[in-house]
Amino acid sequence: MLIFLFGADSFRTQEKLSELKNQYLSKNSSGTDLSILEYGETGAMKTLAEILSAQGLFSSKQLVTVKNVMTKGSTEQQKELLVFLKSQTELKNDADSIVIFFEAGAPKKNGALYKFLFTQAKKQEFALLEGITLANWALALTKKLSPETTFSKSALNLLLVATGNDLHILNNEITKLVSYKTSGTINDEDIATLVKSKVDSTMFETIEALSSGNKSRALQLLHEQIAKGEDVFYILSMYTYQIRTLLKIGDFYWQGMSSAPQIAQASGIHPYVVQKSLSQIRNLSEDKTKQMLRDLAEIDMNAKTGKVDPLLALDTFIVSL
């Protein structure tokens, strides 16, 4: 059986993977028939063919997780895997051999391996949550962790502004908040005390400098953050988050909608963030904003695979704007 899990929301993708693994173990408790084939890791790797051919001593069943072949594997590795899958026509309906293809991110949809799995596997895509669906997810998690605890409406809005839709961060912050509060209503003061904002004033100022073409100021702010001990990958993720937010707001602004409250209602983005971002949007074109997002995605991929130094790549990104 082929299963394909992918999407920009890596938190829920990982949750689904864990759920499937636990379901399998509940029926096959030995755990000796579990295998992981992870691309992008150093050292020698077995192929999927080798793993499937090595049946367990006490079980004819197998669960193999193939991780990040499309986002971290080479073109040659993807081609080799696709050739094998096409030769194993019985694998699609084999209930004893389950192969889960897991991508911690959104793979390119024009790739041959992606197209094959999209049509041949049982698939589930996990897009980033927005607006009311994001708020409902946060409330459901809160109730699950602490049935006696809830959020005031304004506190929930402040939390979502601080974390964005990164569920890894949101999960950590809610866990921290319910442990602190234990029961009752989480209020604005609790958020201000405990939650670190995803987009702080320095980040807004940096993006303002980038959008207005003030490269020297953007470089200065970047290196000030590094000097304060901020992780470069955290900074990169913040750049990406804020540019993506600008693009969402820009989708409405470039179509003629200039009112912050209207854009906030239409986009599901907090009015405070919309108001702060509009001055930046006015200095950017749609094409330039999209190119900035593509450039940051490329930096992220190349940095995580060791192809570039992330700080040097961010310096180059700023200078090239």
Protein backbone atom coordinates (compact mmCIF):
# COMPACT_ATOMS: atom_id res chain seq x y z
CA MET A 1 0.00 0.00 0.00
CA LEU A 2 1.27 3.44 -0.91
CA ILE A 3 0.46 6.47 1.26
CA PHE A 4 1.57 10.02 0.44
CA LEU A 5 1.64 12.70 3.18
CA PHE A 6 2.81 16.20 2.25
CA GLY A 7 2.12 19.91 2.61
CA ALA A 8 3.42 23.20 3.96
CA ASP A 9 2.05 22.38 7.44
CA SER A 10 4.75 20.00 8.64
CA PHE A 11 3.26 19.82 12.15
CA ARG A 12 -0.01 18.19 11.07
CA THR A 13 1.84 16.08 8.48
CA GLN A 14 4.03 14.68 11.27
CA GLU A 15 0.96 14.13 13.46
CA LYS A 16 -0.66 12.06 10.72
CA LEU A 17 2.52 10.03 10.27
CA SER A 18 2.61 9.26 14.01
CA GLU A 19 -1.08 8.31 13.94
CA LEU A 20 -0.53 5.83 11.10
CA LYS A 21 2.50 4.35 12.84
CA ASN A 22 0.55 3.90 16.08
CA GLN A 23 -2.33 2.27 14.23
CA TYR A 24 0.10 -0.17 12.65
CA LEU A 25 1.79 -0.98 15.98
CA SER A 26 -1.57 -1.62 17.64
CA LYS A 27 -2.03 -4.51 15.22
CA ASN A 28 1.62 -5.52 14.86
CA SER A 29 3.16 -4.94 18.25
CA SER A 30 6.69 -6.29 17.71
CA GLY A 31 7.99 -3.10 16.10
CA THR A 32 10.76 -5.05 14.37
CA ASP A 33 9.10 -4.60 11.00
CA LEU A 34 9.36 -0.80 10.98
CA SER A 35 11.91 0.87 8.70
CA ILE A 36 12.81 4.47 7.83
CA LEU A 37 14.48 5.59 4.63
CA GLU A 38 15.44 9.25 5.09
CA TYR A 39 16.87 11.31 2.26
CA GLY A 40 19.28 14.14 2.90
CA GLU A 41 21.02 12.22 5.70
CA THR A 42 24.76 11.54 5.53
CA GLY A 43 26.15 8.03 5.20
CA ALA A 44 25.19 5.00 3.13
CA MET A 45 21.49 4.37 2.56
CA LYS A 46 19.63 1.22 1.73
CA THR A 47 17.23 1.40 -1.18
CA LEU A 48 13.51 0.81 -0.84
CA ALA A 49 13.95 -2.40 -2.83
CA GLU A 50 16.49 -3.71 -0.30
CA ILE A 51 14.26 -2.84 2.65
CA LEU A 52 11.16 -4.47 1.19
CA SER A 53 13.05 -7.60 0.22
CA ALA A 54 14.29 -8.12 3.80
CA GLN A 55 11.06 -9.44 5.34
CA GLY A 56 11.02 -9.65 9.13
CA LEU A 57 11.87 -12.99 10.73
CA PHE A 58 8.62 -13.20 12.70
CA SER A 59 6.30 -11.15 10.50
CA SER A 60 5.42 -10.89 6.82
CA LYS A 61 4.13 -7.36 7.38
CA GLN A 62 6.18 -4.18 6.96
CA LEU A 63 5.79 -0.45 7.43
CA VAL A 64 8.41 1.64 5.63
CA THR A 65 8.54 5.44 5.93
CA VAL A 66 10.32 7.19 3.06
CA LYS A 67 11.16 10.69 4.24
CA ASN A 68 11.82 13.81 2.13
CA VAL A 69 12.86 12.15 -1.11
CA MET A 70 11.34 15.04 -3.11
CA THR A 71 12.54 17.93 -0.95
CA LYS A 72 16.00 16.58 -0.05
CA GLY A 73 16.75 13.69 -2.40
CA SER A 74 18.76 14.16 -5.58
CA THR A 75 17.17 14.00 -9.02
CA GLU A 76 18.95 10.70 -9.61
CA GLN A 77 17.62 9.22 -6.37
CA GLN A 78 14.08 10.26 -7.29
CA LYS A 79 14.39 8.71 -10.74
CA GLU A 80 15.74 5.45 -9.28
CA LEU A 81 12.89 5.26 -6.79
CA LEU A 82 10.28 6.01 -9.45
CA VAL A 83 11.61 3.23 -11.70
CA PHE A 84 11.33 0.78 -8.80
CA LEU A 85 7.80 1.84 -7.90
CA LYS A 86 6.61 1.50 -11.48
CA SER A 87 8.04 -2.03 -11.57
CA GLN A 88 6.14 -3.03 -8.42
CA THR A 89 2.56 -2.74 -9.64
CA GLU A 90 1.31 -5.07 -6.89
CA LEU A 91 2.63 -2.77 -4.13
CA LYS A 92 -0.30 -0.36 -4.50
CA ASN A 93 -2.78 -2.96 -3.23
CA ASP A 94 -0.47 -4.95 -0.91
CA ALA A 95 -1.95 -4.61 2.59
CA ASP A 96 1.08 -6.34 4.16
CA SER A 97 3.68 -3.90 2.81
CA ILE A 98 2.82 -0.30 3.66
CA VAL A 99 5.09 2.43 2.29
CA ILE A 100 4.46 5.96 3.56
CA PHE A 101 6.03 8.79 1.58
CA PHE A 102 6.44 11.70 3.97
CA GLU A 103 7.50 15.20 2.94
CA ALA A 104 8.15 17.78 5.68
CA GLY A 105 7.12 20.60 3.38
CA ALA A 106 5.50 21.21 0.02
CA PRO A 107 7.31 19.38 -2.80
CA LYS A 108 7.31 20.67 -6.37
CA LYS A 109 4.14 19.47 -8.04
CA ASN A 110 5.62 19.18 -11.51
CA GLY A 111 8.05 16.40 -10.57
CA ALA A 112 7.57 12.93 -12.03
CA LEU A 113 7.68 11.19 -8.64
CA TYR A 114 5.13 13.63 -7.20
CA LYS A 115 2.77 13.06 -10.15
CA PHE A 116 3.09 9.27 -9.78
CA LEU A 117 2.34 9.26 -6.05
CA PHE A 118 -0.46 11.79 -6.44
CA THR A 119 -2.30 9.42 -8.79
CA GLN A 120 -1.26 6.03 -7.37
CA ALA A 121 -1.10 6.51 -3.58
CA LYS A 122 -3.63 7.28 -0.89
CA LYS A 123 -2.77 10.93 -0.36
CA GLN A 124 -3.38 13.71 2.12
CA GLU A 125 -2.12 17.27 1.80
CA PHE A 126 -1.73 19.49 4.86
CA ALA A 127 -1.94 23.15 3.86
CA LEU A 128 -1.23 25.93 6.34
CA LEU A 129 -4.22 26.83 8.49
CA GLU A 130 -5.59 30.35 8.25
CA GLY A 131 -8.23 32.52 9.88
CA ILE A 132 -11.05 30.76 11.69
CA THR A 133 -9.65 27.27 11.03
CA LEU A 134 -6.39 28.27 12.74
CA ALA A 135 -8.29 29.75 15.70
CA ASN A 136 -10.44 26.61 16.00
CA TRP A 137 -7.32 24.41 15.94
CA ALA A 138 -5.81 26.46 18.78
CA LEU A 139 -9.01 26.24 20.84
CA ALA A 140 -9.31 22.48 20.26
CA LEU A 141 -5.71 21.93 21.37
CA THR A 142 -6.30 24.04 24.48
CA LYS A 143 -9.38 21.99 25.41
CA LYS A 144 -7.49 18.75 24.81
CA LEU A 145 -4.59 19.82 27.04
CA SER A 146 -6.70 21.45 29.74
CA PRO A 147 -10.52 21.11 29.60
CA GLU A 148 -10.85 23.77 32.30
CA THR A 149 -8.88 26.42 30.40
CA THR A 150 -9.94 28.70 27.56
CA PHE A 151 -8.94 31.98 25.88
CA SER A 152 -10.57 35.36 25.85
CA LYS A 153 -11.21 36.48 22.27
CA SER A 154 -8.61 39.24 22.41
CA ALA A 155 -5.99 36.97 24.01
CA LEU A 156 -6.47 34.38 21.27
CA ASN A 157 -6.04 37.09 18.62
CA LEU A 158 -2.85 38.30 20.31
CA LEU A 159 -1.52 34.74 20.47
CA LEU A 160 -2.15 34.12 16.77
CA VAL A 161 -0.52 37.43 15.84
CA ALA A 162 2.53 36.44 17.89
CA THR A 163 2.89 32.91 16.51
CA GLY A 164 1.42 33.09 13.03
CA ASN A 165 0.32 29.75 11.62
CA ASP A 166 3.46 27.84 12.53
CA LEU A 167 1.81 25.05 14.53
CA HIS A 168 5.11 23.92 16.05
CA ILE A 169 5.43 27.31 17.75
CA LEU A 170 1.70 27.60 18.48
CA ASN A 171 1.64 24.15 20.08
CA ASN A 172 4.58 25.06 22.33
CA GLU A 173 3.05 28.38 23.37
CA ILE A 174 -0.37 26.89 24.17
CA THR A 175 1.26 24.08 26.16
CA LYS A 176 3.20 26.71 28.13
CA LEU A 177 0.11 28.86 28.68
CA VAL A 178 -2.16 26.06 29.97
CA SER A 179 0.61 24.82 32.27
CA TYR A 180 0.87 28.33 33.70
CA LYS A 181 -2.86 29.04 33.91
CA THR A 182 -4.13 25.47 34.71
CA SER A 183 -7.77 26.67 34.66
CA GLY A 184 -9.93 29.66 33.84
CA THR A 185 -9.51 32.18 31.02
CA ILE A 186 -6.16 33.07 29.49
CA ASN A 187 -6.11 36.86 29.08
CA ASP A 188 -4.06 39.54 27.30
CA GLU A 189 -1.70 39.91 30.25
CA ASP A 190 -0.87 36.19 30.17
CA ILE A 191 0.04 36.46 26.47
CA ALA A 192 2.22 39.52 27.08
CA THR A 193 3.99 37.77 29.97
CA LEU A 194 4.67 34.37 28.41
CA VAL A 195 4.58 34.48 24.61
CA LYS A 196 7.49 35.53 22.45
CA SER A 197 6.21 37.34 19.39
CA LYS A 198 6.97 35.69 16.06
CA VAL A 199 7.20 39.05 14.36
CA ASP A 200 8.78 41.53 16.75
CA SER A 201 9.49 45.22 16.17
CA THR A 202 12.96 44.46 14.79
CA MET A 203 11.49 42.18 12.15
CA PHE A 204 8.93 44.79 11.09
CA GLU A 205 11.73 47.37 10.86
CA THR A 206 13.89 44.97 8.81
CA ILE A 207 11.14 44.27 6.29
CA GLU A 208 10.39 48.02 6.16
CA ALA A 209 14.03 48.63 5.27
CA LEU A 210 13.96 45.89 2.63
CA SER A 211 10.76 47.15 1.02
CA SER A 212 12.03 50.75 0.88
CA GLY A 213 15.41 49.74 -0.56
CA ASN A 214 17.44 50.70 2.52
CA LYS A 215 19.89 47.80 2.22
CA SER A 216 22.47 49.15 4.68
CA ARG A 217 19.83 49.42 7.43
CA ALA A 218 18.50 45.92 6.67
CA LEU A 219 22.04 44.50 6.87
CA GLN A 220 22.69 46.37 10.12
CA LEU A 221 19.50 44.96 11.70
CA LEU A 222 20.31 41.43 10.53
CA HIS A 223 23.75 41.47 12.11
CA GLU A 224 22.45 43.10 15.29
CA GLN A 225 20.06 40.14 15.67
CA ILE A 226 22.92 37.69 15.11
CA ALA A 227 25.07 39.53 17.67
CA LYS A 228 22.24 39.21 20.21
CA GLY A 229 22.32 35.45 19.77
CA GLU A 230 19.32 34.91 17.48
CA ASP A 231 19.56 31.71 15.47
CA VAL A 232 20.10 32.43 11.78
CA PHE A 233 17.53 29.80 10.77
CA TYR A 234 14.99 31.47 13.08
CA ILE A 235 15.69 34.80 11.37
CA LEU A 236 15.34 33.17 7.96
CA SER A 237 11.99 31.68 8.96
CA MET A 238 10.84 35.11 10.20
CA TYR A 239 11.79 36.75 6.90
CA THR A 240 9.85 34.06 5.06
CA TYR A 241 6.85 34.36 7.36
CA GLN A 242 6.64 38.13 7.02
CA ILE A 243 7.14 38.19 3.22
CA ARG A 244 4.45 35.51 2.90
CA THR A 245 2.15 37.66 5.04
CA LEU A 246 2.90 40.69 2.86
CA LEU A 247 1.98 38.66 -0.21
CA LYS A 248 -1.36 37.64 1.30
CA ILE A 249 -2.17 41.25 2.18
CA GLY A 250 -0.88 42.40 -1.20
CA ASP A 251 -3.25 40.07 -3.02
CA PHE A 252 -6.05 42.38 -1.84
CA TYR A 253 -4.15 45.67 -1.96
CA TRP A 254 -2.99 45.22 -5.56
CA GLN A 255 -6.57 44.52 -6.59
CA GLY A 256 -7.63 47.93 -5.27
CA MET A 257 -8.57 47.23 -1.64
CA SER A 258 -6.77 49.82 0.51
CA SER A 259 -8.71 49.76 3.79
CA ALA A 260 -6.87 47.89 6.57
CA PRO A 261 -10.09 46.68 8.27
CA GLN A 262 -11.47 45.41 4.94
CA ILE A 263 -8.25 43.57 4.11
CA ALA A 264 -8.11 42.12 7.63
CA GLN A 265 -11.66 40.78 7.30
CA ALA A 266 -11.07 39.40 3.80
CA SER A 267 -7.68 37.83 4.52
CA GLY A 268 -8.24 36.59 8.07
CA ILE A 269 -5.04 38.38 9.15
CA HIS A 270 -5.11 40.40 12.37
CA PRO A 271 -5.90 44.13 11.75
CA TYR A 272 -2.76 45.21 13.64
CA VAL A 273 -0.55 43.18 11.27
CA VAL A 274 -2.41 44.50 8.20
CA GLN A 275 -2.04 48.11 9.33
CA LYS A 276 1.70 47.68 10.04
CA SER A 277 2.25 45.93 6.70
CA LEU A 278 0.42 48.28 4.35
CA SER A 279 3.23 50.85 4.30
CA GLN A 280 5.61 48.09 3.20
CA ILE A 281 3.24 46.78 0.54
CA ARG A 282 3.00 50.25 -1.04
CA ASN A 283 6.73 50.05 -1.86
CA LEU A 284 6.56 46.59 -3.43
CA SER A 285 5.21 45.10 -6.63
CA GLU A 286 3.55 41.72 -6.74
CA ASP A 287 6.34 40.28 -8.90
CA LYS A 288 9.09 41.53 -6.58
CA THR A 289 7.34 40.16 -3.48
CA LYS A 290 6.88 36.74 -5.08
CA GLN A 291 10.53 36.71 -6.16
CA MET A 292 11.64 37.54 -2.60
CA LEU A 293 9.64 34.59 -1.31
CA ARG A 294 11.13 32.26 -3.94
CA ASP A 295 14.65 33.47 -3.10
CA LEU A 296 14.12 32.83 0.62
CA ALA A 297 12.74 29.35 -0.06
CA GLU A 298 15.85 28.57 -2.12
CA ILE A 299 18.13 29.85 0.66
CA ASP A 300 16.28 27.71 3.20
CA MET A 301 16.60 24.56 1.07
CA ASN A 302 20.27 25.13 0.21
CA ALA A 303 21.21 26.06 3.79
CA LYS A 304 19.53 22.99 5.28
CA THR A 305 21.30 20.71 2.80
CA GLY A 306 24.67 22.32 3.50
CA LYS A 307 25.07 23.93 0.09
CA VAL A 308 25.34 27.52 1.36
CA ASP A 309 26.14 29.38 4.55
CA PRO A 310 22.75 30.80 5.67
CA LEU A 311 24.09 34.11 7.00
CA LEU A 312 26.15 34.76 3.87
CA ALA A 313 23.12 33.84 1.76
CA LEU A 314 20.93 36.32 3.66
CA ASP A 315 23.57 39.04 3.21
CA THR A 316 23.57 38.34 -0.53
CA PHE A 317 19.75 38.30 -0.60
CA ILE A 318 19.56 41.77 0.98
CA VAL A 319 22.27 43.29 -1.23
CA SER A 320 20.69 41.90 -4.40
CA LEU A 321 17.27 43.49 -3.81
